[in-house]
Amino acid sequence: MAFRYIYRDAEQTGVNSGLMIPYMPKHFVQVDSQWSIPGQWLLGASATYRTLRYRDDLNLDPIGNGWNFGFTAYWESQNKHHSVHLILDNVLSSKDAGKEPDTHLMARYSYRF
C-alpha cells in the first residue's frame, strides 16, 4: 500500500503573475494498493484526489476538484509465455474532475517466445 500527498503553492510569474500553473492542483492525494492472489494474478486499485486546477495559463478553463479511481489486473502463465493486463482508469467522481471526462479501458495480451 502506498500513500502520497503533495501541497503546491507555486504561481506563475511574469505576464500571468499570481495565477495558478496549468494542470497543477494545490492539493494532491493518492492512495494505491496491490494484491498478489493465487493463480499468478496481481490486482491493484488507486484513488487520487485533486483540488481545482486549470487547463490554460490564463486560468479560464477549470478542471473541477474530485476523485479519480483506477483498477488493474495482471495475469501471467507459469511458463511466462502468456500474459494479460487489464486497466480501467479515469473513473471520475464527477465528470468535470478530470482532464478528460471519459473512462479508459485497456486490455493487452502478450505472447513471449
PDB file of N, CA and C in Angstrom:
ATOM      1  N   MET A   1       0.850  -1.168   0.000  1.00  0.00           N
ATOM      2  CA  MET A   1       0.000   0.000   0.000  1.00  0.00           C
ATOM      3  C   MET A   1       0.900   1.238   0.000  1.00  0.00           C
ATOM      4  N   ALA A   2       0.454   2.249  -0.685  1.00  0.00           N
ATOM      5  CA  ALA A   2       1.233   3.486  -0.760  1.00  0.00           C
ATOM      6  C   ALA A   2       0.297   4.683  -0.594  1.00  0.00           C
ATOM      7  N   PHE A   3       0.816   5.727   0.032  1.00  0.00           N
ATOM      8  CA  PHE A   3       0.073   6.968   0.231  1.00  0.00           C
ATOM      9  C   PHE A   3       0.987   8.121  -0.156  1.00  0.00           C
ATOM     10  N   ARG A   4       0.427   9.078  -0.898  1.00  0.00           N
ATOM     11  CA  ARG A   4       1.224  10.240  -1.297  1.00  0.00           C
ATOM     12  C   ARG A   4       0.369  11.495  -1.180  1.00  0.00           C
ATOM     13  N   TYR A   5       0.969  12.538  -0.621  1.00  0.00           N
ATOM     14  CA  TYR A   5       0.306  13.842  -0.528  1.00  0.00           C
ATOM     15  C   TYR A   5       1.288  14.907  -1.004  1.00  0.00           C
ATOM     16  N   ILE A   6       0.807  15.799  -1.862  1.00  0.00           N
ATOM     17  CA  ILE A   6       1.647  16.901  -2.347  1.00  0.00           C
ATOM     18  C   ILE A   6       0.870  18.200  -2.175  1.00  0.00           C
ATOM     19  N   TYR A   7       1.533  19.184  -1.569  1.00  0.00           N
ATOM     20  CA  TYR A   7       0.975  20.523  -1.447  1.00  0.00           C
ATOM     21  C   TYR A   7       1.828  21.450  -2.294  1.00  0.00           C
ATOM     22  N   ARG A   8       1.179  22.206  -3.171  1.00  0.00           N
ATOM     23  CA  ARG A   8       1.902  23.144  -4.033  1.00  0.00           C
ATOM     24  C   ARG A   8       1.294  24.529  -3.869  1.00  0.00           C
ATOM     25  N   ASP A   9       2.133  25.500  -3.667  1.00  0.00           N
ATOM     26  CA  ASP A   9       1.644  26.882  -3.629  1.00  0.00           C
ATOM     27  C   ASP A   9       2.336  27.752  -4.672  1.00  0.00           C
ATOM     28  N   ALA A  10       2.925  27.111  -5.680  1.00  0.00           N
ATOM     29  CA  ALA A  10       3.621  27.844  -6.745  1.00  0.00           C
ATOM     30  C   ALA A  10       2.614  28.579  -7.624  1.00  0.00           C
ATOM     31  N   GLU A  11       3.039  29.715  -8.120  1.00  0.00           N
ATOM     32  CA  GLU A  11       2.219  30.521  -9.019  1.00  0.00           C
ATOM     33  C   GLU A  11       3.052  30.892 -10.240  1.00  0.00           C
ATOM     34  N   GLN A  12       2.360  31.309 -11.284  1.00  0.00           N
ATOM     35  CA  GLN A  12       3.050  31.775 -12.476  1.00  0.00           C
ATOM     36  C   GLN A  12       3.725  33.117 -12.177  1.00  0.00           C
ATOM     37  N   THR A  13       4.760  33.402 -12.928  1.00  0.00           N
ATOM     38  CA  THR A  13       5.440  34.696 -12.829  1.00  0.00           C
ATOM     39  C   THR A  13       5.349  35.386 -14.176  1.00  0.00           C
ATOM     40  N   GLY A  14       5.777  36.598 -14.235  1.00  0.00           N
ATOM     41  CA  GLY A  14       5.767  37.343 -15.497  1.00  0.00           C
ATOM     42  C   GLY A  14       4.398  37.898 -15.802  1.00  0.00           C
ATOM     43  N   VAL A  15       3.974  37.790 -17.050  1.00  0.00           N
ATOM     44  CA  VAL A  15       2.705  38.363 -17.516  1.00  0.00           C
ATOM     45  C   VAL A  15       1.518  37.824 -16.730  1.00  0.00           C
ATOM     46  N   ASN A  16       1.519  36.526 -16.395  1.00  0.00           N
ATOM     47  CA  ASN A  16       0.415  35.900 -15.673  1.00  0.00           C
ATOM     48  C   ASN A  16       0.715  35.730 -14.189  1.00  0.00           C
ATOM     49  N   SER A  17       1.462  36.651 -13.651  1.00  0.00           N
ATOM     50  CA  SER A  17       1.889  36.583 -12.255  1.00  0.00           C
ATOM     51  C   SER A  17       0.683  36.428 -11.321  1.00  0.00           C
ATOM     52  N   GLY A  18       0.814  35.478 -10.386  1.00  0.00           N
ATOM     53  CA  GLY A  18      -0.230  35.253  -9.393  1.00  0.00           C
ATOM     54  C   GLY A  18      -1.253  34.210  -9.784  1.00  0.00           C
ATOM     55  N   LEU A  19      -1.290  33.823 -11.064  1.00  0.00           N
ATOM     56  CA  LEU A  19      -2.233  32.795 -11.497  1.00  0.00           C
ATOM     57  C   LEU A  19      -1.652  31.407 -11.258  1.00  0.00           C
ATOM     58  N   MET A  20      -2.545  30.415 -11.134  1.00  0.00           N
ATOM     59  CA  MET A  20      -2.111  29.035 -10.921  1.00  0.00           C
ATOM     60  C   MET A  20      -1.408  28.494 -12.172  1.00  0.00           C
ATOM     61  N   ILE A  21      -0.482  27.575 -11.963  1.00  0.00           N
ATOM     62  CA  ILE A  21       0.205  26.898 -13.056  1.00  0.00           C
ATOM     63  C   ILE A  21      -0.753  25.865 -13.640  1.00  0.00           C
ATOM     64  N   PRO A  22      -0.920  25.831 -14.974  1.00  0.00           N
ATOM     65  CA  PRO A  22      -1.860  24.882 -15.581  1.00  0.00           C
ATOM     66  C   PRO A  22      -1.616  23.440 -15.144  1.00  0.00           C
ATOM     67  N   TYR A  23      -2.719  22.721 -14.917  1.00  0.00           N
ATOM     68  CA  TYR A  23      -2.756  21.304 -14.548  1.00  0.00           C
ATOM     69  C   TYR A  23      -2.177  20.992 -13.172  1.00  0.00           C
ATOM     70  N   MET A  24      -1.770  21.964 -12.400  1.00  0.00           N
ATOM     71  CA  MET A  24      -1.153  21.733 -11.099  1.00  0.00           C
ATOM     72  C   MET A  24      -2.139  22.078  -9.978  1.00  0.00           C
ATOM     73  N   PRO A  25      -2.697  21.077  -9.294  1.00  0.00           N
ATOM     74  CA  PRO A  25      -3.592  21.370  -8.186  1.00  0.00           C
ATOM     75  C   PRO A  25      -2.806  21.804  -6.950  1.00  0.00           C
ATOM     76  N   LYS A  26      -3.451  22.521  -6.079  1.00  0.00           N
ATOM     77  CA  LYS A  26      -2.804  22.917  -4.824  1.00  0.00           C
ATOM     78  C   LYS A  26      -2.618  21.702  -3.910  1.00  0.00           C
ATOM     79  N   HIS A  27      -3.634  20.835  -3.857  1.00  0.00           N
ATOM     80  CA  HIS A  27      -3.569  19.623  -3.033  1.00  0.00           C
ATOM     81  C   HIS A  27      -3.757  18.397  -3.923  1.00  0.00           C
ATOM     82  N   PHE A  28      -2.897  17.400  -3.709  1.00  0.00           N
ATOM     83  CA  PHE A  28      -2.930  16.146  -4.462  1.00  0.00           C
ATOM     84  C   PHE A  28      -2.766  15.016  -3.453  1.00  0.00           C
ATOM     85  N   VAL A  29      -3.724  14.080  -3.444  1.00  0.00           N
ATOM     86  CA  VAL A  29      -3.662  12.927  -2.536  1.00  0.00           C
ATOM     87  C   VAL A  29      -3.846  11.678  -3.374  1.00  0.00           C
ATOM     88  N   GLN A  30      -2.994  10.674  -3.127  1.00  0.00           N
ATOM     89  CA  GLN A  30      -3.120   9.419  -3.859  1.00  0.00           C
ATOM     90  C   GLN A  30      -2.904   8.244  -2.911  1.00  0.00           C
ATOM     91  N   VAL A  31      -3.789   7.253  -3.020  1.00  0.00           N
ATOM     92  CA  VAL A  31      -3.692   6.018  -2.255  1.00  0.00           C
ATOM     93  C   VAL A  31      -3.705   4.869  -3.251  1.00  0.00           C
ATOM     94  N   ASP A  32      -2.707   4.003  -3.170  1.00  0.00           N
ATOM     95  CA  ASP A  32      -2.589   2.856  -4.074  1.00  0.00           C
ATOM     96  C   ASP A  32      -2.435   1.581  -3.263  1.00  0.00           C
ATOM     97  N   SER A  33      -2.933   0.499  -3.826  1.00  0.00           N
ATOM     98  CA  SER A  33      -2.770  -0.799  -3.182  1.00  0.00           C
ATOM     99  C   SER A  33      -2.701  -1.873  -4.248  1.00  0.00           C
ATOM    100  N   GLN A  34      -1.888  -2.889  -3.995  1.00  0.00           N
ATOM    101  CA  GLN A  34      -1.787  -4.030  -4.910  1.00  0.00           C
ATOM    102  C   GLN A  34      -1.816  -5.310  -4.098  1.00  0.00           C
ATOM    103  N   TRP A  35      -2.435  -6.323  -4.681  1.00  0.00           N
ATOM    104  CA  TRP A  35      -2.538  -7.610  -4.025  1.00  0.00           C
ATOM    105  C   TRP A  35      -2.094  -8.704  -4.978  1.00  0.00           C
ATOM    106  N   SER A  36      -1.369  -9.664  -4.453  1.00  0.00           N
ATOM    107  CA  SER A  36      -0.987 -10.853  -5.195  1.00  0.00           C
ATOM    108  C   SER A  36      -1.899 -11.979  -4.713  1.00  0.00           C
ATOM    109  N   ILE A  37      -2.638 -12.569  -5.647  1.00  0.00           N
ATOM    110  CA  ILE A  37      -3.563 -13.634  -5.256  1.00  0.00           C
ATOM    111  C   ILE A  37      -3.198 -14.912  -6.003  1.00  0.00           C
ATOM    112  N   PRO A  38      -3.675 -16.057  -5.548  1.00  0.00           N
ATOM    113  CA  PRO A  38      -3.331 -17.325  -6.185  1.00  0.00           C
ATOM    114  C   PRO A  38      -3.692 -17.339  -7.672  1.00  0.00           C
ATOM    115  N   GLY A  39      -2.942 -18.147  -8.423  1.00  0.00           N
ATOM    116  CA  GLY A  39      -3.185 -18.289  -9.854  1.00  0.00           C
ATOM    117  C   GLY A  39      -2.401 -17.297 -10.684  1.00  0.00           C
ATOM    118  N   GLN A  40      -1.326 -16.732 -10.150  1.00  0.00           N
ATOM    119  CA  GLN A  40      -0.464 -15.766 -10.840  1.00  0.00           C
ATOM    120  C   GLN A  40      -1.174 -14.453 -11.151  1.00  0.00           C
ATOM    121  N   TRP A  41      -2.087 -14.021 -10.317  1.00  0.00           N
ATOM    122  CA  TRP A  41      -2.811 -12.766 -10.509  1.00  0.00           C
ATOM    123  C   TRP A  41      -2.264 -11.674  -9.619  1.00  0.00           C
ATOM    124  N   LEU A  42      -2.181 -10.475 -10.163  1.00  0.00           N
ATOM    125  CA  LEU A  42      -1.905  -9.260  -9.402  1.00  0.00           C
ATOM    126  C   LEU A  42      -3.087  -8.327  -9.617  1.00  0.00           C
ATOM    127  N   LEU A  43      -3.652  -7.801  -8.545  1.00  0.00           N
ATOM    128  CA  LEU A  43      -4.765  -6.864  -8.625  1.00  0.00           C
ATOM    129  C   LEU A  43      -4.347  -5.556  -7.973  1.00  0.00           C
ATOM    130  N   GLY A  44      -4.825  -4.452  -8.501  1.00  0.00           N
ATOM    131  CA  GLY A  44      -4.472  -3.154  -7.936  1.00  0.00           C
ATOM    132  C   GLY A  44      -5.620  -2.178  -8.023  1.00  0.00           C
ATOM    133  N   ALA A  45      -5.604  -1.229  -7.115  1.00  0.00           N
ATOM    134  CA  ALA A  45      -6.602  -0.163  -7.106  1.00  0.00           C
ATOM    135  C   ALA A  45      -5.917   1.126  -6.671  1.00  0.00           C
ATOM    136  N   SER A  46      -6.385   2.241  -7.218  1.00  0.00           N
ATOM    137  CA  SER A  46      -5.839   3.533  -6.818  1.00  0.00           C
ATOM    138  C   SER A  46      -6.969   4.549  -6.725  1.00  0.00           C
ATOM    139  N   ALA A  47      -6.782   5.495  -5.832  1.00  0.00           N
ATOM    140  CA  ALA A  47      -7.718   6.608  -5.669  1.00  0.00           C
ATOM    141  C   ALA A  47      -6.884   7.879  -5.588  1.00  0.00           C
ATOM    142  N   THR A  48      -7.224   8.859  -6.423  1.00  0.00           N
ATOM    143  CA  THR A  48      -6.478  10.114  -6.474  1.00  0.00           C
ATOM    144  C   THR A  48      -7.453  11.273  -6.325  1.00  0.00           C
ATOM    145  N   TYR A  49      -7.113  12.211  -5.437  1.00  0.00           N
ATOM    146  CA  TYR A  49      -7.922  13.410  -5.265  1.00  0.00           C
ATOM    147  C   TYR A  49      -7.083  14.620  -5.655  1.00  0.00           C
ATOM    148  N   ARG A  50      -7.680  15.495  -6.468  1.00  0.00           N
ATOM    149  CA  ARG A  50      -7.017  16.744  -6.863  1.00  0.00           C
ATOM    150  C   ARG A  50      -7.976  17.895  -6.608  1.00  0.00           C
ATOM    151  N   THR A  51      -7.443  18.999  -6.105  1.00  0.00           N
ATOM    152  CA  THR A  51      -8.256  20.197  -5.961  1.00  0.00           C
ATOM    153  C   THR A  51      -8.343  20.900  -7.312  1.00  0.00           C
ATOM    154  N   LEU A  52      -9.092  21.979  -7.350  1.00  0.00           N
ATOM    155  CA  LEU A  52      -9.292  22.748  -8.578  1.00  0.00           C
ATOM    156  C   LEU A  52      -7.961  23.046  -9.269  1.00  0.00           C
ATOM    157  N   ARG A  53      -7.963  22.919 -10.588  1.00  0.00           N
ATOM    158  CA  ARG A  53      -6.797  23.267 -11.411  1.00  0.00           C
ATOM    159  C   ARG A  53      -7.316  23.779 -12.741  1.00  0.00           C
ATOM    160  N   TYR A  54      -6.419  24.241 -13.593  1.00  0.00           N
ATOM    161  CA  TYR A  54      -6.829  24.853 -14.863  1.00  0.00           C
ATOM    162  C   TYR A  54      -6.087  24.222 -16.029  1.00  0.00           C
ATOM    163  N   ARG A  55      -6.738  24.215 -17.189  1.00  0.00           N
ATOM    164  CA  ARG A  55      -6.129  23.699 -18.420  1.00  0.00           C
ATOM    165  C   ARG A  55      -5.258  24.742 -19.112  1.00  0.00           C
ATOM    166  N   ASP A  56      -5.497  26.015 -18.835  1.00  0.00           N
ATOM    167  CA  ASP A  56      -4.814  27.082 -19.571  1.00  0.00           C
ATOM    168  C   ASP A  56      -4.063  28.010 -18.620  1.00  0.00           C
ATOM    169  N   ASP A  57      -3.145  28.780 -19.181  1.00  0.00           N
ATOM    170  CA  ASP A  57      -2.315  29.662 -18.364  1.00  0.00           C
ATOM    171  C   ASP A  57      -3.050  30.915 -17.878  1.00  0.00           C
ATOM    172  N   LEU A  58      -4.225  31.217 -18.460  1.00  0.00           N
ATOM    173  CA  LEU A  58      -4.999  32.370 -18.003  1.00  0.00           C
ATOM    174  C   LEU A  58      -6.029  31.987 -16.937  1.00  0.00           C
ATOM    175  N   ASN A  59      -6.069  30.706 -16.579  1.00  0.00           N
ATOM    176  CA  ASN A  59      -6.987  30.187 -15.562  1.00  0.00           C
ATOM    177  C   ASN A  59      -8.447  30.442 -15.923  1.00  0.00           C
ATOM    178  N   LEU A  60      -8.782  30.273 -17.203  1.00  0.00           N
ATOM    179  CA  LEU A  60     -10.152  30.459 -17.679  1.00  0.00           C
ATOM    180  C   LEU A  60     -10.875  29.128 -17.923  1.00  0.00           C
ATOM    181  N   ASP A  61     -10.141  28.034 -18.035  1.00  0.00           N
ATOM    182  CA  ASP A  61     -10.710  26.726 -18.348  1.00  0.00           C
ATOM    183  C   ASP A  61     -10.467  25.775 -17.169  1.00  0.00           C
ATOM    184  N   PRO A  62     -11.378  25.769 -16.185  1.00  0.00           N
ATOM    185  CA  PRO A  62     -11.136  24.995 -14.960  1.00  0.00           C
ATOM    186  C   PRO A  62     -11.362  23.492 -15.130  1.00  0.00           C
ATOM    187  N   ILE A  63     -10.614  22.738 -14.343  1.00  0.00           N
ATOM    188  CA  ILE A  63     -10.841  21.307 -14.144  1.00  0.00           C
ATOM    189  C   ILE A  63     -11.259  21.192 -12.684  1.00  0.00           C
ATOM    190  N   GLY A  64     -12.466  20.744 -12.443  1.00  0.00           N
ATOM    191  CA  GLY A  64     -13.014  20.714 -11.085  1.00  0.00           C
ATOM    192  C   GLY A  64     -12.257  19.785 -10.153  1.00  0.00           C
ATOM    193  N   ASN A  65     -12.482  19.974  -8.876  1.00  0.00           N
ATOM    194  CA  ASN A  65     -11.866  19.097  -7.892  1.00  0.00           C
ATOM    195  C   ASN A  65     -12.659  17.791  -7.836  1.00  0.00           C
ATOM    196  N   GLY A  66     -12.003  16.728  -7.402  1.00  0.00           N
ATOM    197  CA  GLY A  66     -12.699  15.459  -7.265  1.00  0.00           C
ATOM    198  C   GLY A  66     -11.765  14.272  -7.283  1.00  0.00           C
ATOM    199  N   TRP A  67     -12.381  13.113  -7.160  1.00  0.00           N
ATOM    200  CA  TRP A  67     -11.661  11.846  -7.099  1.00  0.00           C
ATOM    201  C   TRP A  67     -11.567  11.195  -8.472  1.00  0.00           C
ATOM    202  N   ASN A  68     -10.473  10.491  -8.683  1.00  0.00           N
ATOM    203  CA  ASN A  68     -10.225   9.694  -9.878  1.00  0.00           C
ATOM    204  C   ASN A  68      -9.820   8.309  -9.387  1.00  0.00           C
ATOM    205  N   PHE A  69     -10.512   7.287  -9.863  1.00  0.00           N
ATOM    206  CA  PHE A  69     -10.227   5.922  -9.432  1.00  0.00           C
ATOM    207  C   PHE A  69      -9.690   5.097 -10.596  1.00  0.00           C
ATOM    208  N   GLY A  70      -8.854   4.132 -10.283  1.00  0.00           N
ATOM    209  CA  GLY A  70      -8.310   3.251 -11.292  1.00  0.00           C
ATOM    210  C   GLY A  70      -8.148   1.843 -10.745  1.00  0.00           C
ATOM    211  N   PHE A  71      -8.235   0.874 -11.647  1.00  0.00           N
ATOM    212  CA  PHE A  71      -8.120  -0.534 -11.269  1.00  0.00           C
ATOM    213  C   PHE A  71      -7.266  -1.248 -12.296  1.00  0.00           C
ATOM    214  N   THR A  72      -6.518  -2.242 -11.850  1.00  0.00           N
ATOM    215  CA  THR A  72      -5.678  -3.012 -12.755  1.00  0.00           C
ATOM    216  C   THR A  72      -5.695  -4.482 -12.349  1.00  0.00           C
ATOM    217  N   ALA A  73      -5.591  -5.349 -13.351  1.00  0.00           N
ATOM    218  CA  ALA A  73      -5.473  -6.787 -13.125  1.00  0.00           C
ATOM    219  C   ALA A  73      -4.421  -7.308 -14.099  1.00  0.00           C
ATOM    220  N   TYR A  74      -3.534  -8.150 -13.598  1.00  0.00           N
ATOM    221  CA  TYR A  74      -2.463  -8.700 -14.430  1.00  0.00           C
ATOM    222  C   TYR A  74      -2.339 -10.193 -14.131  1.00  0.00           C
ATOM    223  N   TRP A  75      -2.263 -10.980 -15.190  1.00  0.00           N
ATOM    224  CA  TRP A  75      -2.072 -12.424 -15.057  1.00  0.00           C
ATOM    225  C   TRP A  75      -0.938 -12.848 -15.964  1.00  0.00           C
ATOM    226  N   GLU A  76      -0.142 -13.802 -15.471  1.00  0.00           N
ATOM    227  CA  GLU A  76       0.962 -14.352 -16.260  1.00  0.00           C
ATOM    228  C   GLU A  76       0.990 -15.858 -16.060  1.00  0.00           C
ATOM    229  N   SER A  77       1.137 -16.613 -17.161  1.00  0.00           N
ATOM    230  CA  SER A  77       1.189 -18.069 -17.065  1.00  0.00           C
ATOM    231  C   SER A  77       2.468 -18.500 -16.348  1.00  0.00           C
ATOM    232  N   GLN A  78       2.439 -19.713 -15.811  1.00  0.00           N
ATOM    233  CA  GLN A  78       3.611 -20.196 -15.071  1.00  0.00           C
ATOM    234  C   GLN A  78       4.856 -20.284 -15.942  1.00  0.00           C
ATOM    235  N   ASN A  79       4.688 -20.587 -17.222  1.00  0.00           N
ATOM    236  CA  ASN A  79       5.856 -20.674 -18.104  1.00  0.00           C
ATOM    237  C   ASN A  79       6.263 -19.310 -18.677  1.00  0.00           C
ATOM    238  N   LYS A  80       5.549 -18.251 -18.294  1.00  0.00           N
ATOM    239  CA  LYS A  80       5.858 -16.863 -18.669  1.00  0.00           C
ATOM    240  C   LYS A  80       5.622 -16.569 -20.157  1.00  0.00           C
ATOM    241  N   HIS A  81       4.987 -17.470 -20.894  1.00  0.00           N
ATOM    242  CA  HIS A  81       4.719 -17.235 -22.311  1.00  0.00           C
ATOM    243  C   HIS A  81       3.507 -16.333 -22.540  1.00  0.00           C
ATOM    244  N   HIS A  82       2.500 -16.441 -21.708  1.00  0.00           N
ATOM    245  CA  HIS A  82       1.260 -15.694 -21.877  1.00  0.00           C
ATOM    246  C   HIS A  82       1.065 -14.710 -20.731  1.00  0.00           C
ATOM    247  N   SER A  83       0.560 -13.527 -21.072  1.00  0.00           N
ATOM    248  CA  SER A  83       0.179 -12.576 -20.029  1.00  0.00           C
ATOM    249  C   SER A  83      -0.997 -11.736 -20.517  1.00  0.00           C
ATOM    250  N   VAL A  84      -1.807 -11.313 -19.569  1.00  0.00           N
ATOM    251  CA  VAL A  84      -2.963 -10.461 -19.829  1.00  0.00           C
ATOM    252  C   VAL A  84      -2.906  -9.307 -18.835  1.00  0.00           C
ATOM    253  N   HIS A  85      -3.098  -8.105 -19.346  1.00  0.00           N
ATOM    254  CA  HIS A  85      -3.088  -6.915 -18.493  1.00  0.00           C
ATOM    255  C   HIS A  85      -4.347  -6.110 -18.798  1.00  0.00           C
ATOM    256  N   LEU A  86      -5.154  -5.882 -17.778  1.00  0.00           N
ATOM    257  CA  LEU A  86      -6.384  -5.100 -17.907  1.00  0.00           C
ATOM    258  C   LEU A  86      -6.274  -3.858 -17.033  1.00  0.00           C
ATOM    259  N   ILE A  87      -6.622  -2.707 -17.584  1.00  0.00           N
ATOM    260  CA  ILE A  87      -6.579  -1.452 -16.825  1.00  0.00           C
ATOM    261  C   ILE A  87      -7.875  -0.691 -17.062  1.00  0.00           C
ATOM    262  N   LEU A  88      -8.516  -0.305 -15.990  1.00  0.00           N
ATOM    263  CA  LEU A  88      -9.675   0.581 -16.032  1.00  0.00           C
ATOM    264  C   LEU A  88      -9.246   1.844 -15.306  1.00  0.00           C
ATOM    265  N   ASP A  89      -9.221   2.968 -16.011  1.00  0.00           N
ATOM    266  CA  ASP A  89      -8.671   4.192 -15.441  1.00  0.00           C
ATOM    267  C   ASP A  89      -9.588   5.376 -15.736  1.00  0.00           C
ATOM    268  N   ASN A  90      -9.367   6.442 -15.010  1.00  0.00           N
ATOM    269  CA  ASN A  90     -10.110   7.691 -15.165  1.00  0.00           C
ATOM    270  C   ASN A  90     -11.592   7.506 -14.826  1.00  0.00           C
ATOM    271  N   VAL A  91     -11.855   6.716 -13.790  1.00  0.00           N
ATOM    272  CA  VAL A  91     -13.211   6.569 -13.274  1.00  0.00           C
ATOM    273  C   VAL A  91     -13.404   7.743 -12.315  1.00  0.00           C
ATOM    274  N   LEU A  92     -14.154   8.738 -12.740  1.00  0.00           N
ATOM    275  CA  LEU A  92     -14.229  10.007 -12.025  1.00  0.00           C
ATOM    276  C   LEU A  92     -15.440  10.081 -11.093  1.00  0.00           C
ATOM    277  N   SER A  93     -15.244  10.781  -9.968  1.00  0.00           N
ATOM    278  CA  SER A  93     -16.362  11.033  -9.066  1.00  0.00           C
ATOM    279  C   SER A  93     -17.290  12.089  -9.650  1.00  0.00           C
ATOM    280  N   SER A  94     -16.757  12.942 -10.486  1.00  0.00           N
ATOM    281  CA  SER A  94     -17.514  13.981 -11.170  1.00  0.00           C
ATOM    282  C   SER A  94     -16.897  14.154 -12.548  1.00  0.00           C
ATOM    283  N   LYS A  95     -17.698  14.243 -13.591  1.00  0.00           N
ATOM    284  CA  LYS A  95     -17.177  14.310 -14.960  1.00  0.00           C
ATOM    285  C   LYS A  95     -16.289  15.532 -15.211  1.00  0.00           C
ATOM    286  N   ASP A  96     -16.444  16.601 -14.443  1.00  0.00           N
ATOM    287  CA  ASP A  96     -15.584  17.772 -14.639  1.00  0.00           C
ATOM    288  C   ASP A  96     -14.350  17.743 -13.732  1.00  0.00           C
ATOM    289  N   ALA A  97     -14.094  16.603 -13.075  1.00  0.00           N
ATOM    290  CA  ALA A  97     -12.948  16.494 -12.172  1.00  0.00           C
ATOM    291  C   ALA A  97     -11.698  15.956 -12.866  1.00  0.00           C
ATOM    292  N   GLY A  98     -11.794  15.651 -14.145  1.00  0.00           N
ATOM    293  CA  GLY A  98     -10.653  15.085 -14.843  1.00  0.00           C
ATOM    294  C   GLY A  98     -10.271  15.869 -16.072  1.00  0.00           C
ATOM    295  N   LYS A  99      -9.053  15.626 -16.526  1.00  0.00           N
ATOM    296  CA  LYS A  99      -8.564  16.269 -17.742  1.00  0.00           C
ATOM    297  C   LYS A  99      -9.447  15.891 -18.924  1.00  0.00           C
ATOM    298  N   GLU A 100      -9.907  14.647 -18.946  1.00  0.00           N
ATOM    299  CA  GLU A 100     -10.851  14.149 -19.947  1.00  0.00           C
ATOM    300  C   GLU A 100     -12.004  13.485 -19.200  1.00  0.00           C
ATOM    301  N   PRO A 101     -13.253  13.628 -19.662  1.00  0.00           N
ATOM    302  CA  PRO A 101     -14.387  13.104 -18.899  1.00  0.00           C
ATOM    303  C   PRO A 101     -14.619  11.601 -19.038  1.00  0.00           C
ATOM    304  N   ASP A 102     -14.002  10.957 -20.029  1.00  0.00           N
ATOM    305  CA  ASP A 102     -14.310   9.561 -20.309  1.00  0.00           C
ATOM    306  C   ASP A 102     -13.418   8.588 -19.553  1.00  0.00           C
ATOM    307  N   THR A 103     -14.019   7.474 -19.159  1.00  0.00           N
ATOM    308  CA  THR A 103     -13.290   6.377 -18.543  1.00  0.00           C
ATOM    309  C   THR A 103     -12.487   5.659 -19.622  1.00  0.00           C
ATOM    310  N   HIS A 104     -11.287   5.182 -19.266  1.00  0.00           N
ATOM    311  CA  HIS A 104     -10.420   4.487 -20.213  1.00  0.00           C
ATOM    312  C   HIS A 104     -10.320   3.016 -19.825  1.00  0.00           C
ATOM    313  N   LEU A 105     -10.445   2.152 -20.798  1.00  0.00           N
ATOM    314  CA  LEU A 105     -10.266   0.720 -20.588  1.00  0.00           C
ATOM    315  C   LEU A 105      -9.208   0.229 -21.560  1.00  0.00           C
ATOM    316  N   MET A 106      -8.231  -0.498 -21.032  1.00  0.00           N
ATOM    317  CA  MET A 106      -7.182  -1.054 -21.878  1.00  0.00           C
ATOM    318  C   MET A 106      -7.057  -2.539 -21.562  1.00  0.00           C
ATOM    319  N   ALA A 107      -6.965  -3.344 -22.600  1.00  0.00           N
ATOM    320  CA  ALA A 107      -6.737  -4.783 -22.455  1.00  0.00           C
ATOM    321  C   ALA A 107      -5.580  -5.153 -23.367  1.00  0.00           C
ATOM    322  N   ARG A 108      -4.611  -5.868 -22.799  1.00  0.00           N
ATOM    323  CA  ARG A 108      -3.440  -6.250 -23.597  1.00  0.00           C
ATOM    324  C   ARG A 108      -3.111  -7.724 -23.330  1.00  0.00           C
ATOM    325  N   TYR A 109      -2.949  -8.473 -24.392  1.00  0.00           N
ATOM    326  CA  TYR A 109      -2.492  -9.848 -24.312  1.00  0.00           C
ATOM    327  C   TYR A 109      -1.104  -9.906 -24.931  1.00  0.00           C
ATOM    328  N   SER A 110      -0.200 -10.601 -24.285  1.00  0.00           N
ATOM    329  CA  SER A 110       1.161 -10.748 -24.820  1.00  0.00           C
ATOM    330  C   SER A 110       1.539 -12.221 -24.851  1.00  0.00           C
ATOM    331  N   TYR A 111       2.231 -12.575 -25.910  1.00  0.00           N
ATOM    332  CA  TYR A 111       2.812 -13.915 -26.008  1.00  0.00           C
ATOM    333  C   TYR A 111       4.310 -13.761 -26.175  1.00  0.00           C
ATOM    334  N   ARG A 112       5.060 -14.420 -25.336  1.00  0.00           N
ATOM    335  CA  ARG A 112       6.529 -14.355 -25.397  1.00  0.00           C
ATOM    336  C   ARG A 112       7.054 -15.718 -25.863  1.00  0.00           C
ATOM    337  N   PHE A 113       7.960 -15.706 -26.816  1.00  0.00           N
ATOM    338  CA  PHE A 113       8.538 -16.946 -27.348  1.00  0.00           C
ATOM    339  C   PHE A 113       9.561 -17.523 -26.409  1.00  0.00           C
TER     340      PHE A 113
END
